[in-house]
Amino acid sequence: MYALIEFKGKQYKAEPGALLKVDRIAAAVGTTLDIDSVLLIAGETLRVGTPYVPGTKVSAVVQAHEKDRKIIVFKYKPKKDYRRKQGHRQPYSVLKIGDILGGS
């Protein structure tokens, strides 16, 4: 069984026990979240929402807050002595999916 959820403007495939990398959220590690915006549930039957499936939610626990690998942004213009180097590390949170409630 799995569910497609919408969380912070992005869509994720949530299976029980799976780990999801989502944009950083302001919640402490160990906090339980209930995500109500379930778009689809697939199990023995397929239930598709319009846009959300009523009476369902996905519970998730915040496992960690981390930073992604470094991205180097390098701009230059040839023959003009113009060079700019900038680095970026995107912060993210790791969610562990618990139960999919109301998905029978």
Protein backbone atom coordinates (compact mmCIF):
# COMPACT_ATOMS: atom_id res chain seq x y z
CA MET A 1 0.00 0.00 0.00
CA TYR A 2 1.22 3.48 -0.78
CA ALA A 3 -0.16 7.00 -0.93
CA LEU A 4 0.68 10.09 -2.95
CA ILE A 5 0.77 13.11 -0.66
CA GLU A 6 1.19 16.83 -1.16
CA PHE A 7 3.50 18.45 1.39
CA LYS A 8 4.75 22.04 1.21
CA GLY A 9 3.75 22.39 -2.46
CA LYS A 10 5.47 19.21 -3.67
CA GLN A 11 4.20 15.68 -4.21
CA TYR A 12 5.75 12.57 -2.65
CA LYS A 13 5.12 8.83 -2.72
CA ALA A 14 4.65 7.67 0.87
CA GLU A 15 4.94 4.02 1.86
CA PRO A 16 4.90 2.77 5.47
CA GLY A 17 8.48 2.74 6.78
CA ALA A 18 9.90 4.85 3.93
CA LEU A 19 12.16 7.88 4.45
CA LEU A 20 11.31 11.11 2.61
CA LYS A 21 13.60 14.09 2.03
CA VAL A 22 11.38 17.20 2.22
CA ASP A 23 12.16 20.90 2.41
CA ARG A 24 13.23 21.95 5.89
CA ILE A 25 10.36 22.26 8.37
CA ALA A 26 10.29 24.03 11.71
CA ALA A 27 9.62 21.00 13.89
CA ALA A 28 11.83 19.30 16.46
CA VAL A 29 13.32 15.87 15.84
CA GLY A 30 10.88 13.21 17.05
CA THR A 31 7.77 15.29 16.37
CA THR A 32 4.84 13.44 14.80
CA LEU A 33 3.12 15.11 11.84
CA ASP A 34 -0.28 14.28 10.37
CA ILE A 35 -0.46 15.06 6.66
CA ASP A 36 -4.06 15.47 5.50
CA SER A 37 -3.47 16.30 1.83
CA VAL A 38 -3.58 12.77 0.40
CA LEU A 39 -4.01 12.77 -3.39
CA LEU A 40 -4.18 9.02 -4.05
CA ILE A 41 -4.21 5.75 -2.14
CA ALA A 42 -3.25 2.49 -3.83
CA GLY A 43 -3.76 -0.84 -2.11
CA GLU A 44 -6.30 -3.56 -2.91
CA THR A 45 -8.26 -0.78 -4.60
CA LEU A 46 -7.25 2.56 -6.05
CA ARG A 47 -8.80 5.70 -4.54
CA VAL A 48 -8.16 9.01 -6.28
CA GLY A 49 -9.13 12.30 -4.65
CA THR A 50 -10.69 15.39 -6.17
CA PRO A 51 -8.19 16.87 -5.25
CA TYR A 52 -7.83 15.08 -1.88
CA VAL A 53 -9.13 11.75 -0.62
CA PRO A 54 -11.58 12.53 2.22
CA GLY A 55 -11.06 10.99 5.65
CA THR A 56 -7.45 9.94 5.11
CA LYS A 57 -4.15 11.06 6.56
CA VAL A 58 -0.55 9.96 6.67
CA SER A 59 1.42 10.07 9.92
CA ALA A 60 5.14 10.84 9.78
CA VAL A 61 7.90 11.37 12.33
CA VAL A 62 10.72 13.91 11.88
CA GLN A 63 13.97 11.91 11.94
CA ALA A 64 16.65 14.54 11.24
CA HIS A 65 17.49 17.97 9.85
CA GLU A 66 20.39 17.95 7.41
CA LYS A 67 21.99 19.80 4.51
CA ASP A 68 22.26 18.46 0.98
CA ARG A 69 25.52 18.28 -0.98
CA LYS A 70 27.14 21.52 -2.06
CA ILE A 71 26.19 23.03 -5.41
CA ILE A 72 28.74 25.33 -7.05
CA VAL A 73 27.36 28.23 -9.12
CA PHE A 74 30.08 29.65 -11.35
CA LYS A 75 29.39 32.54 -13.71
CA TYR A 76 31.86 33.98 -16.17
CA LYS A 77 32.03 35.98 -19.35
CA PRO A 78 34.81 35.10 -21.72
CA LYS A 79 37.46 37.73 -22.48
CA LYS A 80 35.94 40.18 -19.98
CA ASP A 81 37.70 39.19 -16.71
CA TYR A 82 34.34 38.48 -15.04
CA ARG A 83 34.15 35.50 -12.69
CA ARG A 84 31.79 34.85 -9.78
CA LYS A 85 31.82 31.69 -7.67
CA GLN A 86 29.05 30.93 -5.22
CA GLY A 87 28.17 27.80 -3.24
CA HIS A 88 24.82 26.61 -1.91
CA ARG A 89 23.70 23.78 0.39
CA GLN A 90 19.93 23.19 0.54
CA PRO A 91 18.61 22.37 4.03
CA TYR A 92 16.11 19.52 4.25
CA SER A 93 14.31 17.36 6.80
CA VAL A 94 14.03 13.59 6.82
CA LEU A 95 10.55 12.18 7.53
CA LYS A 96 9.85 8.54 8.36
CA ILE A 97 6.39 7.51 7.21
CA GLY A 98 4.34 5.65 9.80
CA ASP A 99 0.77 4.63 9.04
CA ILE A 100 -1.61 5.51 6.24
CA LEU A 101 -4.87 6.02 8.12
CA GLY A 102 -8.24 5.59 6.42
CA GLY A 103 -6.75 3.78 3.48
CA SER A 104 -8.68 0.51 3.66
